[in-house]
Amino acid sequence: MLDQRTPLPRRESAPVAADLSAVLGKVAGFLEMFPGLSAPSLTVHTDSFVLQFAFLPSDVLFPSVARVARALGTEPLLKQMSDGHWHFTARGHRYGLDVTVFASVSLATDEDRVGEAVA
């Protein structure tokens, strides 16, 4: 069973660099709405993007997610992921793109949380 190959679905047309350039322009415009926002990790696709906030104190991490969620017109949720970790997350739609923003609770850098992870 592990040796079986499953054909991947084919797209009608392959994305081109111009598509990605257009998406990057939309992402830049979106991020400009948040002066002073802590720098997130960013994953960009031709139809969506993901912002991840990590390795910051919780008093910066979670308000950053909430601030972006408000701009998306949604409320952030605390969700348990399949790996057992908790994420503060929100999803929405902006500039024709699906947007996901999240922060892993386990990646907050509060001294007590870091002490728990090391112990």
Protein backbone atom coordinates (compact mmCIF):
# COMPACT_ATOMS: atom_id res chain seq x y z
CA MET A 1 0.00 0.00 0.00
CA LEU A 2 2.84 2.40 0.73
CA ASP A 3 4.23 1.77 -2.76
CA GLN A 4 1.05 2.85 -4.49
CA ARG A 5 1.21 6.14 -6.32
CA THR A 6 -1.72 8.49 -6.40
CA PRO A 7 -1.87 10.91 -9.31
CA LEU A 8 -1.90 14.56 -8.26
CA PRO A 9 -4.74 16.72 -9.52
CA ARG A 10 -3.75 18.91 -12.44
CA ARG A 11 -4.45 22.61 -12.66
CA GLU A 12 -5.97 24.11 -15.76
CA SER A 13 -2.96 26.42 -15.95
CA ALA A 14 0.18 26.68 -13.89
CA PRO A 15 0.58 29.78 -11.73
CA VAL A 16 3.05 32.22 -13.16
CA ALA A 17 5.44 34.66 -11.49
CA ALA A 18 3.12 37.55 -12.35
CA ASP A 19 0.36 35.91 -10.28
CA LEU A 20 2.68 35.71 -7.28
CA SER A 21 3.83 39.31 -7.79
CA ALA A 22 0.21 40.47 -7.73
CA VAL A 23 -0.46 38.48 -4.56
CA LEU A 24 2.65 39.89 -2.88
CA GLY A 25 1.41 43.39 -3.67
CA LYS A 26 -1.93 42.59 -2.02
CA VAL A 27 -0.18 41.12 1.03
CA ALA A 28 2.02 44.22 1.32
CA GLY A 29 -1.07 46.43 1.13
CA PHE A 30 -2.74 44.38 3.84
CA LEU A 31 0.28 44.55 6.16
CA GLU A 32 0.53 48.33 5.68
CA MET A 33 -2.82 48.57 7.53
CA PHE A 34 -0.98 47.64 10.75
CA PRO A 35 1.74 50.14 11.60
CA GLY A 36 3.86 48.91 14.50
CA LEU A 37 2.71 45.30 14.15
CA SER A 38 5.34 42.77 15.26
CA ALA A 39 6.83 41.01 12.25
CA PRO A 40 5.06 37.71 11.54
CA SER A 41 6.32 34.73 9.59
CA LEU A 42 4.59 34.79 6.24
CA THR A 43 3.59 32.00 3.87
CA VAL A 44 2.18 33.14 0.54
CA HIS A 45 0.25 31.12 -2.04
CA THR A 46 -1.36 32.40 -5.22
CA ASP A 47 -4.80 32.42 -3.58
CA SER A 48 -4.04 32.86 0.13
CA PHE A 49 -1.53 33.79 2.78
CA VAL A 50 -0.77 32.81 6.37
CA LEU A 51 0.61 35.06 9.10
CA GLN A 52 2.19 33.33 12.10
CA PHE A 53 3.27 35.20 15.20
CA ALA A 54 5.82 33.33 17.31
CA PHE A 55 8.55 33.71 19.91
CA LEU A 56 7.10 36.84 21.46
CA PRO A 57 5.68 37.50 24.92
CA SER A 58 1.98 36.66 25.14
CA ASP A 59 1.11 40.33 25.73
CA VAL A 60 2.40 40.99 22.18
CA LEU A 61 1.57 37.68 20.52
CA PHE A 62 -2.15 37.43 21.20
CA PRO A 63 -3.07 41.10 20.67
CA SER A 64 -1.31 40.90 17.28
CA VAL A 65 -3.58 38.05 16.21
CA ALA A 66 -6.64 39.88 17.59
CA ARG A 67 -5.70 43.07 15.74
CA VAL A 68 -5.46 41.26 12.39
CA ALA A 69 -8.66 39.31 13.12
CA ARG A 70 -10.57 42.58 13.68
CA ALA A 71 -9.40 43.83 10.29
CA LEU A 72 -10.70 40.60 8.76
CA GLY A 73 -14.07 41.20 10.43
CA THR A 74 -13.82 38.10 12.60
CA GLU A 75 -13.03 37.09 16.16
CA PRO A 76 -9.98 34.99 17.00
CA LEU A 77 -10.59 31.56 18.51
CA LEU A 78 -8.54 29.39 20.79
CA LYS A 79 -8.38 26.00 19.05
CA GLN A 80 -6.67 22.74 19.91
CA MET A 81 -4.75 21.36 16.95
CA SER A 82 -4.34 17.71 16.02
CA ASP A 83 -0.85 17.65 17.58
CA GLY A 84 -2.31 18.66 20.95
CA HIS A 85 -0.98 22.24 20.87
CA TRP A 86 -3.29 25.22 21.19
CA HIS A 87 -3.46 28.02 18.61
CA PHE A 88 -5.02 31.45 18.90
CA THR A 89 -6.29 31.74 15.33
CA ALA A 90 -8.57 33.57 12.91
CA ARG A 91 -9.49 33.15 9.27
CA GLY A 92 -10.97 35.61 6.88
CA HIS A 93 -10.92 37.03 3.39
CA ARG A 94 -9.26 40.23 2.19
CA TYR A 95 -8.30 41.57 -1.25
CA GLY A 96 -9.63 38.39 -2.88
CA LEU A 97 -7.33 36.20 -0.78
CA ASP A 98 -7.99 33.75 2.03
CA VAL A 99 -6.12 34.89 5.13
CA THR A 100 -5.14 32.82 8.16
CA VAL A 101 -3.50 34.39 11.19
CA PHE A 102 -2.37 32.44 14.23
CA ALA A 103 -0.05 32.18 17.19
CA SER A 104 0.85 28.93 18.90
CA VAL A 105 0.33 29.20 22.65
CA SER A 106 3.42 27.01 23.14
CA LEU A 107 5.60 29.56 21.30
CA ALA A 108 4.93 32.47 23.66
CA THR A 109 8.21 33.55 25.26
CA ASP A 110 6.89 34.47 28.71
CA GLU A 111 9.48 33.51 31.33
CA ASP A 112 7.10 31.10 33.07
CA ARG A 113 6.26 29.39 29.77
CA VAL A 114 9.93 29.11 28.81
CA GLY A 115 10.66 27.65 32.27
CA GLU A 116 7.90 25.06 31.76
CA ALA A 117 9.28 24.06 28.36
CA VAL A 118 12.84 23.66 29.66
CA ALA A 119 11.84 21.73 32.80
